Amino acid sequence: MSLGNVHNSVRRAHWNAVVPIGFLAIPKNDRKHDNNVALHKFKCQLYHALLSAILSSLTAAMTMPVVCQCPDGHYISEFADI
């Protein structure tokens, strides 16, 4: 996840400043198990379940759009802060 409010001194030192929002548990396996369909399906389901759990707090804020008028007169749709 990228930050929008990185302090200028940090931005100059680390131009690509990011903040980890979670660590994914990715199971390791040997190369001999690459063709195992059940293991591949398990790894995919685990990955998606982890992303869903990490990002679940954002779903409530992304379901209620708010229409706002910009200073230039155009309208945009933002999402409500919860």
Protein backbone atom coordinates (compact mmCIF):
# COMPACT_ATOMS: atom_id res chain seq x y z
CA MET A 1 0.00 0.00 0.00
CA SER A 2 1.36 3.39 -0.88
CA LEU A 3 1.09 6.35 1.45
CA GLY A 4 -0.09 9.72 0.31
CA ASN A 5 1.12 11.58 3.38
CA VAL A 6 4.81 10.68 3.44
CA HIS A 7 6.93 13.46 4.95
CA ASN A 8 9.21 15.28 2.49
CA SER A 9 12.43 14.12 4.16
CA VAL A 10 11.28 10.52 3.88
CA ARG A 11 10.13 10.99 0.29
CA ARG A 12 13.54 12.33 -0.73
CA ALA A 13 15.37 9.44 0.91
CA HIS A 14 12.90 6.72 -0.12
CA TRP A 15 11.05 7.85 -3.23
CA ASN A 16 8.97 4.70 -3.33
CA ALA A 17 7.82 4.68 0.31
CA VAL A 18 5.28 1.97 1.06
CA VAL A 19 3.71 0.57 4.21
CA PRO A 20 3.08 -3.16 4.58
CA ILE A 21 -0.57 -3.79 5.42
CA GLY A 22 -0.16 -7.50 6.03
CA PHE A 23 2.04 -10.50 5.56
CA LEU A 24 0.81 -13.34 3.39
CA ALA A 25 1.35 -16.91 4.47
CA ILE A 26 2.51 -18.65 1.31
CA PRO A 27 3.26 -22.36 1.75
CA LYS A 28 6.53 -23.59 0.28
CA ASN A 29 6.69 -26.78 -1.73
CA ASP A 30 9.20 -28.82 -3.68
CA ARG A 31 9.36 -28.65 -7.47
CA LYS A 32 8.07 -32.24 -7.63
CA HIS A 33 4.62 -31.02 -6.44
CA ASP A 34 4.18 -28.37 -9.16
CA ASN A 35 1.62 -30.45 -11.06
CA ASN A 36 -0.47 -31.27 -7.96
CA VAL A 37 -3.88 -29.75 -8.71
CA ALA A 38 -5.12 -30.00 -5.12
CA LEU A 39 -2.07 -28.15 -3.77
CA HIS A 40 -2.40 -25.45 -6.43
CA LYS A 41 -6.09 -24.97 -5.58
CA PHE A 42 -5.28 -24.80 -1.84
CA LYS A 43 -2.60 -22.15 -2.43
CA CYS A 44 -4.99 -20.05 -4.54
CA GLN A 45 -7.77 -20.30 -1.97
CA LEU A 46 -5.36 -19.41 0.85
CA TYR A 47 -4.08 -16.37 -1.05
CA HIS A 48 -7.58 -15.06 -1.77
CA ALA A 49 -8.78 -15.72 1.78
CA LEU A 50 -5.81 -13.79 3.20
CA LEU A 51 -6.41 -10.82 0.88
CA SER A 52 -10.08 -10.86 1.75
CA ALA A 53 -9.30 -10.82 5.49
CA ILE A 54 -6.75 -8.01 5.16
CA LEU A 55 -8.99 -5.79 3.01
CA SER A 56 -12.31 -6.59 4.75
CA SER A 57 -12.24 -3.35 6.73
CA LEU A 58 -12.47 -1.37 3.48
CA THR A 59 -15.71 -2.90 2.20
CA ALA A 60 -18.04 -0.79 4.36
CA ALA A 61 -16.45 2.46 3.20
CA MET A 62 -16.59 1.42 -0.45
CA THR A 63 -20.31 0.60 -0.55
CA MET A 64 -21.68 4.09 0.16
CA PRO A 65 -20.63 6.52 -2.61
CA VAL A 66 -20.90 10.26 -1.98
CA VAL A 67 -21.17 12.67 -4.92
CA CYS A 68 -19.03 15.77 -4.42
CA GLN A 69 -18.53 18.89 -6.51
CA CYS A 70 -14.92 19.84 -7.28
CA PRO A 71 -13.76 23.47 -7.29
CA ASP A 72 -13.73 23.39 -11.10
CA GLY A 73 -17.45 22.57 -11.17
CA HIS A 74 -17.21 18.89 -12.09
CA TYR A 75 -18.86 16.20 -9.99
CA ILE A 76 -17.01 13.13 -8.73
CA SER A 77 -18.11 10.13 -6.78
CA GLU A 78 -16.14 9.52 -3.59
CA PHE A 79 -16.65 6.93 -0.94
CA ALA A 80 -17.79 7.87 2.55
CA ASP A 81 -15.31 7.76 5.41
CA ILE A 82 -16.40 5.35 8.09
